[in-house]
């Protein structure tokens, strides 16, 4: 079973991953001469939403 600390740690890891990927997407957008803020925002929103959704879905199926 997941304790409260393990769940909080998992959420923090997912959100940190989203921030790191958003930063990298911003750098990639800069290379392609696009808007880095838009790319970063879309990446953060997508990764955090999908990551937390998958995490909560997996938790709900655990005994």
PDB file of N, CA and C in Angstrom:
ATOM      1  N   UNK A   1       0.831  -1.193   0.000  1.00  0.00           N
ATOM      2  CA  UNK A   1       0.000   0.000   0.000  1.00  0.00           C
ATOM      3  C   UNK A   1       0.867   1.245   0.000  1.00  0.00           C
ATOM      4  N   UNK A   2       0.338   2.288  -0.604  1.00  0.00           N
ATOM      5  CA  UNK A   2       1.068   3.548  -0.638  1.00  0.00           C
ATOM      6  C   UNK A   2       0.742   4.392   0.583  1.00  0.00           C
ATOM      7  N   UNK A   3       1.772   4.851   1.237  1.00  0.00           N
ATOM      8  CA  UNK A   3       1.555   5.738   2.361  1.00  0.00           C
ATOM      9  C   UNK A   3       1.356   7.163   1.828  1.00  0.00           C
ATOM     10  N   UNK A   4       0.969   8.027   2.717  1.00  0.00           N
ATOM     11  CA  UNK A   4       0.743   9.424   2.333  1.00  0.00           C
ATOM     12  C   UNK A   4       2.034  10.062   1.817  1.00  0.00           C
ATOM     13  N   UNK A   5       3.170   9.737   2.449  1.00  0.00           N
ATOM     14  CA  UNK A   5       4.452  10.292   2.016  1.00  0.00           C
ATOM     15  C   UNK A   5       4.846   9.800   0.629  1.00  0.00           C
ATOM     16  N   UNK A   6       4.590   8.518   0.352  1.00  0.00           N
ATOM     17  CA  UNK A   6       4.917   7.983  -0.970  1.00  0.00           C
ATOM     18  C   UNK A   6       4.078   8.642  -2.048  1.00  0.00           C
ATOM     19  N   UNK A   7       2.827   8.889  -1.768  1.00  0.00           N
ATOM     20  CA  UNK A   7       1.949   9.550  -2.744  1.00  0.00           C
ATOM     21  C   UNK A   7       2.397  10.986  -2.980  1.00  0.00           C
ATOM     22  N   UNK A   8       2.736  11.690  -1.922  1.00  0.00           N
ATOM     23  CA  UNK A   8       3.203  13.068  -2.066  1.00  0.00           C
ATOM     24  C   UNK A   8       4.501  13.112  -2.856  1.00  0.00           C
ATOM     25  N   UNK A   9       5.388  12.168  -2.605  1.00  0.00           N
ATOM     26  CA  UNK A   9       6.652  12.102  -3.329  1.00  0.00           C
ATOM     27  C   UNK A   9       6.408  11.816  -4.810  1.00  0.00           C
ATOM     28  N   UNK A  10       5.485  10.919  -5.106  1.00  0.00           N
ATOM     29  CA  UNK A  10       5.186  10.591  -6.502  1.00  0.00           C
ATOM     30  C   UNK A  10       4.613  11.797  -7.235  1.00  0.00           C
ATOM     31  N   UNK A  11       3.706  12.518  -6.598  1.00  0.00           N
ATOM     32  CA  UNK A  11       3.140  13.722  -7.217  1.00  0.00           C
ATOM     33  C   UNK A  11       4.228  14.755  -7.460  1.00  0.00           C
ATOM     34  N   UNK A  12       5.122  14.927  -6.502  1.00  0.00           N
ATOM     35  CA  UNK A  12       6.214  15.881  -6.666  1.00  0.00           C
ATOM     36  C   UNK A  12       7.127  15.484  -7.819  1.00  0.00           C
ATOM     37  N   UNK A  13       7.413  14.205  -7.969  1.00  0.00           N
ATOM     38  CA  UNK A  13       8.271  13.733  -9.064  1.00  0.00           C
ATOM     39  C   UNK A  13       7.604  13.984 -10.404  1.00  0.00           C
ATOM     40  N   UNK A  14       6.310  13.710 -10.508  1.00  0.00           N
ATOM     41  CA  UNK A  14       5.597  13.941 -11.769  1.00  0.00           C
ATOM     42  C   UNK A  14       5.621  15.418 -12.135  1.00  0.00           C
ATOM     43  N   UNK A  15       5.381  16.291 -11.160  1.00  0.00           N
ATOM     44  CA  UNK A  15       5.378  17.728 -11.444  1.00  0.00           C
ATOM     45  C   UNK A  15       6.784  18.250 -11.768  1.00  0.00           C
ATOM     46  N   UNK A  16       7.813  17.717 -11.106  1.00  0.00           N
ATOM     47  CA  UNK A  16       9.186  18.119 -11.436  1.00  0.00           C
ATOM     48  C   UNK A  16       9.549  17.675 -12.848  1.00  0.00           C
ATOM     49  N   UNK A  17       9.115  16.477 -13.232  1.00  0.00           N
ATOM     50  CA  UNK A  17       9.341  16.005 -14.588  1.00  0.00           C
ATOM     51  C   UNK A  17       8.656  16.922 -15.595  1.00  0.00           C
ATOM     52  N   UNK A  18       7.443  17.363 -15.282  1.00  0.00           N
ATOM     53  CA  UNK A  18       6.722  18.272 -16.173  1.00  0.00           C
ATOM     54  C   UNK A  18       7.461  19.594 -16.324  1.00  0.00           C
ATOM     55  N   UNK A  19       8.015  20.103 -15.249  1.00  0.00           N
ATOM     56  CA  UNK A  19       8.760  21.373 -15.306  1.00  0.00           C
ATOM     57  C   UNK A  19      10.028  21.201 -16.147  1.00  0.00           C
ATOM     58  N   UNK A  20      10.748  20.110 -15.940  1.00  0.00           N
ATOM     59  CA  UNK A  20      11.982  19.871 -16.702  1.00  0.00           C
ATOM     60  C   UNK A  20      11.678  19.728 -18.187  1.00  0.00           C
ATOM     61  N   UNK A  21      10.633  18.970 -18.529  1.00  0.00           N
ATOM     62  CA  UNK A  21      10.273  18.796 -19.937  1.00  0.00           C
ATOM     63  C   UNK A  21       9.775  20.104 -20.549  1.00  0.00           C
ATOM     64  N   UNK A  22       9.082  20.928 -19.777  1.00  0.00           N
ATOM     65  CA  UNK A  22       8.639  22.228 -20.280  1.00  0.00           C
ATOM     66  C   UNK A  22       9.837  23.113 -20.590  1.00  0.00           C
ATOM     67  N   UNK A  23      10.851  23.083 -19.724  1.00  0.00           N
ATOM     68  CA  UNK A  23      12.068  23.851 -19.973  1.00  0.00           C
ATOM     69  C   UNK A  23      12.761  23.382 -21.252  1.00  0.00           C
ATOM     70  N   UNK A  24      12.870  22.070 -21.417  1.00  0.00           N
ATOM     71  CA  UNK A  24      13.499  21.532 -22.624  1.00  0.00           C
ATOM     72  C   UNK A  24      12.682  21.855 -23.868  1.00  0.00           C
ATOM     73  N   UNK A  25      11.358  21.850 -23.751  1.00  0.00           N
ATOM     74  CA  UNK A  25      10.502  22.216 -24.886  1.00  0.00           C
ATOM     75  C   UNK A  25      10.703  23.683 -25.249  1.00  0.00           C
ATOM     76  N   UNK A  26      10.886  24.523 -24.251  1.00  0.00           N
ATOM     77  CA  UNK A  26      11.169  25.937 -24.512  1.00  0.00           C
ATOM     78  C   UNK A  26      12.481  26.115 -25.253  1.00  0.00           C
ATOM     79  N   UNK A  27      13.497  25.359 -24.865  1.00  0.00           N
ATOM     80  CA  UNK A  27      14.777  25.428 -25.578  1.00  0.00           C
ATOM     81  C   UNK A  27      14.643  24.929 -27.016  1.00  0.00           C
ATOM     82  N   UNK A  28      13.895  23.846 -27.199  1.00  0.00           N
ATOM     83  CA  UNK A  28      13.667  23.307 -28.532  1.00  0.00           C
ATOM     84  C   UNK A  28      12.887  24.296 -29.397  1.00  0.00           C
ATOM     85  N   UNK A  29      11.905  24.956 -28.822  1.00  0.00           N
ATOM     86  CA  UNK A  29      11.137  25.961 -29.566  1.00  0.00           C
ATOM     87  C   UNK A  29      12.036  27.112 -29.988  1.00  0.00           C
ATOM     88  N   UNK A  30      12.973  27.478 -29.134  1.00  0.00           N
ATOM     89  CA  UNK A  30      13.908  28.549 -29.473  1.00  0.00           C
ATOM     90  C   UNK A  30      14.768  28.159 -30.676  1.00  0.00           C
ATOM     91  N   UNK A  31      15.147  26.900 -30.755  1.00  0.00           N
ATOM     92  CA  UNK A  31      15.936  26.410 -31.885  1.00  0.00           C
ATOM     93  C   UNK A  31      15.131  26.511 -33.178  1.00  0.00           C
ATOM     94  N   UNK A  32      13.824  26.196 -33.107  1.00  0.00           N
ATOM     95  CA  UNK A  32      12.972  26.223 -34.287  1.00  0.00           C
ATOM     96  C   UNK A  32      12.314  27.582 -34.520  1.00  0.00           C
ATOM     97  N   UNK A  33      12.750  28.600 -33.767  1.00  0.00           N
ATOM     98  CA  UNK A  33      12.253  29.973 -33.911  1.00  0.00           C
ATOM     99  C   UNK A  33      10.740  30.052 -33.720  1.00  0.00           C
ATOM    100  N   UNK A  34      10.253  29.353 -32.705  1.00  0.00           N
ATOM    101  CA  UNK A  34       8.846  29.409 -32.316  1.00  0.00           C
ATOM    102  C   UNK A  34       8.757  30.089 -30.953  1.00  0.00           C
ATOM    103  N   UNK A  35       7.556  30.212 -30.437  1.00  0.00           N
ATOM    104  CA  UNK A  35       7.361  30.858 -29.134  1.00  0.00           C
ATOM    105  C   UNK A  35       7.694  29.877 -28.008  1.00  0.00           C
ATOM    106  N   UNK A  36       8.805  30.094 -27.299  1.00  0.00           N
ATOM    107  CA  UNK A  36       9.207  29.150 -26.250  1.00  0.00           C
ATOM    108  C   UNK A  36       8.218  29.079 -25.084  1.00  0.00           C
ATOM    109  N   UNK A  37       7.587  30.209 -24.774  1.00  0.00           N
ATOM    110  CA  UNK A  37       6.648  30.208 -23.644  1.00  0.00           C
ATOM    111  C   UNK A  37       5.433  29.341 -23.971  1.00  0.00           C
ATOM    112  N   UNK A  38       4.947  29.459 -25.191  1.00  0.00           N
ATOM    113  CA  UNK A  38       3.790  28.655 -25.592  1.00  0.00           C
ATOM    114  C   UNK A  38       4.136  27.167 -25.583  1.00  0.00           C
ATOM    115  N   UNK A  39       5.276  26.816 -26.140  1.00  0.00           N
ATOM    116  CA  UNK A  39       5.688  25.406 -26.171  1.00  0.00           C
ATOM    117  C   UNK A  39       5.869  24.868 -24.761  1.00  0.00           C
ATOM    118  N   UNK A  40       6.503  25.656 -23.905  1.00  0.00           N
ATOM    119  CA  UNK A  40       6.715  25.232 -22.522  1.00  0.00           C
ATOM    120  C   UNK A  40       5.405  25.061 -21.769  1.00  0.00           C
ATOM    121  N   UNK A  41       4.481  26.003 -21.971  1.00  0.00           N
ATOM    122  CA  UNK A  41       3.191  25.937 -21.285  1.00  0.00           C
ATOM    123  C   UNK A  41       2.392  24.719 -21.740  1.00  0.00           C
ATOM    124  N   UNK A  42       2.353  24.486 -23.051  1.00  0.00           N
ATOM    125  CA  UNK A  42       1.634  23.316 -23.556  1.00  0.00           C
ATOM    126  C   UNK A  42       2.259  22.019 -23.049  1.00  0.00           C
ATOM    127  N   UNK A  43       3.580  21.966 -23.030  1.00  0.00           N
ATOM    128  CA  UNK A  43       4.262  20.760 -22.563  1.00  0.00           C
ATOM    129  C   UNK A  43       3.988  20.520 -21.087  1.00  0.00           C
ATOM    130  N   UNK A  44       4.098  21.576 -20.273  1.00  0.00           N
ATOM    131  CA  UNK A  44       3.854  21.419 -18.838  1.00  0.00           C
ATOM    132  C   UNK A  44       2.421  20.952 -18.587  1.00  0.00           C
ATOM    133  N   UNK A  45       1.470  21.589 -19.261  1.00  0.00           N
ATOM    134  CA  UNK A  45       0.068  21.228 -19.062  1.00  0.00           C
ATOM    135  C   UNK A  45      -0.193  19.784 -19.461  1.00  0.00           C
ATOM    136  N   UNK A  46       0.342  19.383 -20.613  1.00  0.00           N
ATOM    137  CA  UNK A  46       0.109  18.028 -21.108  1.00  0.00           C
ATOM    138  C   UNK A  46       0.761  16.988 -20.208  1.00  0.00           C
ATOM    139  N   UNK A  47       2.031  17.186 -19.888  1.00  0.00           N
ATOM    140  CA  UNK A  47       2.755  16.187 -19.084  1.00  0.00           C
ATOM    141  C   UNK A  47       2.181  16.090 -17.674  1.00  0.00           C
ATOM    142  N   UNK A  48       1.889  17.226 -17.057  1.00  0.00           N
ATOM    143  CA  UNK A  48       1.362  17.165 -15.689  1.00  0.00           C
ATOM    144  C   UNK A  48      -0.030  16.547 -15.657  1.00  0.00           C
ATOM    145  N   UNK A  49      -0.884  16.890 -16.629  1.00  0.00           N
ATOM    146  CA  UNK A  49      -2.233  16.323 -16.652  1.00  0.00           C
ATOM    147  C   UNK A  49      -2.200  14.817 -16.902  1.00  0.00           C
ATOM    148  N   UNK A  50      -1.463  14.408 -17.924  1.00  0.00           N
ATOM    149  CA  UNK A  50      -1.382  12.975 -18.223  1.00  0.00           C
ATOM    150  C   UNK A  50      -0.669  12.212 -17.108  1.00  0.00           C
ATOM    151  N   UNK A  51       0.422  12.771 -16.606  1.00  0.00           N
ATOM    152  CA  UNK A  51       1.184  12.100 -15.548  1.00  0.00           C
ATOM    153  C   UNK A  51       0.369  11.900 -14.287  1.00  0.00           C
ATOM    154  N   UNK A  52      -0.319  12.953 -13.849  1.00  0.00           N
ATOM    155  CA  UNK A  52      -1.127  12.820 -12.641  1.00  0.00           C
ATOM    156  C   UNK A  52      -2.348  11.948 -12.891  1.00  0.00           C
ATOM    157  N   UNK A  53      -2.916  12.037 -14.075  1.00  0.00           N
ATOM    158  CA  UNK A  53      -4.063  11.179 -14.411  1.00  0.00           C
ATOM    159  C   UNK A  53      -3.700   9.710 -14.387  1.00  0.00           C
ATOM    160  N   UNK A  54      -2.570   9.383 -14.988  1.00  0.00           N
ATOM    161  CA  UNK A  54      -2.111   7.985 -14.989  1.00  0.00           C
ATOM    162  C   UNK A  54      -1.773   7.531 -13.570  1.00  0.00           C
ATOM    163  N   UNK A  55      -1.130   8.404 -12.816  1.00  0.00           N
ATOM    164  CA  UNK A  55      -0.777   8.074 -11.427  1.00  0.00           C
ATOM    165  C   UNK A  55      -2.026   7.771 -10.600  1.00  0.00           C
ATOM    166  N   UNK A  56      -3.025   8.652 -10.687  1.00  0.00           N
ATOM    167  CA  UNK A  56      -4.248   8.435  -9.911  1.00  0.00           C
ATOM    168  C   UNK A  56      -5.005   7.208 -10.396  1.00  0.00           C
ATOM    169  N   UNK A  57      -4.966   6.938 -11.705  1.00  0.00           N
ATOM    170  CA  UNK A  57      -5.629   5.738 -12.237  1.00  0.00           C
ATOM    171  C   UNK A  57      -4.961   4.483 -11.699  1.00  0.00           C
ATOM    172  N   UNK A  58      -3.636   4.477 -11.641  1.00  0.00           N
ATOM    173  CA  UNK A  58      -2.930   3.316 -11.111  1.00  0.00           C
ATOM    174  C   UNK A  58      -3.206   3.143  -9.621  1.00  0.00           C
ATOM    175  N   UNK A  59      -3.255   4.239  -8.878  1.00  0.00           N
ATOM    176  CA  UNK A  59      -3.532   4.166  -7.440  1.00  0.00           C
ATOM    177  C   UNK A  59      -4.922   3.629  -7.173  1.00  0.00           C
ATOM    178  N   UNK A  60      -5.887   3.993  -8.014  1.00  0.00           N
ATOM    179  CA  UNK A  60      -7.263   3.549  -7.759  1.00  0.00           C
ATOM    180  C   UNK A  60      -7.417   2.045  -7.980  1.00  0.00           C
ATOM    181  N   UNK A  61      -6.544   1.449  -8.770  1.00  0.00           N
ATOM    182  CA  UNK A  61      -6.617   0.012  -9.024  1.00  0.00           C
ATOM    183  C   UNK A  61      -5.811  -0.810  -8.039  1.00  0.00           C
ATOM    184  N   UNK A  62      -5.069  -0.154  -7.163  1.00  0.00           N
ATOM    185  CA  UNK A  62      -4.270  -0.889  -6.176  1.00  0.00           C
ATOM    186  C   UNK A  62      -5.150  -1.336  -5.011  1.00  0.00           C
ATOM    187  N   UNK A  63      -4.859  -2.484  -4.466  1.00  0.00           N
ATOM    188  CA  UNK A  63      -5.669  -2.975  -3.328  1.00  0.00           C
ATOM    189  C   UNK A  63      -5.450  -2.151  -2.074  1.00  0.00           C
TER     190      UNK A  63
END
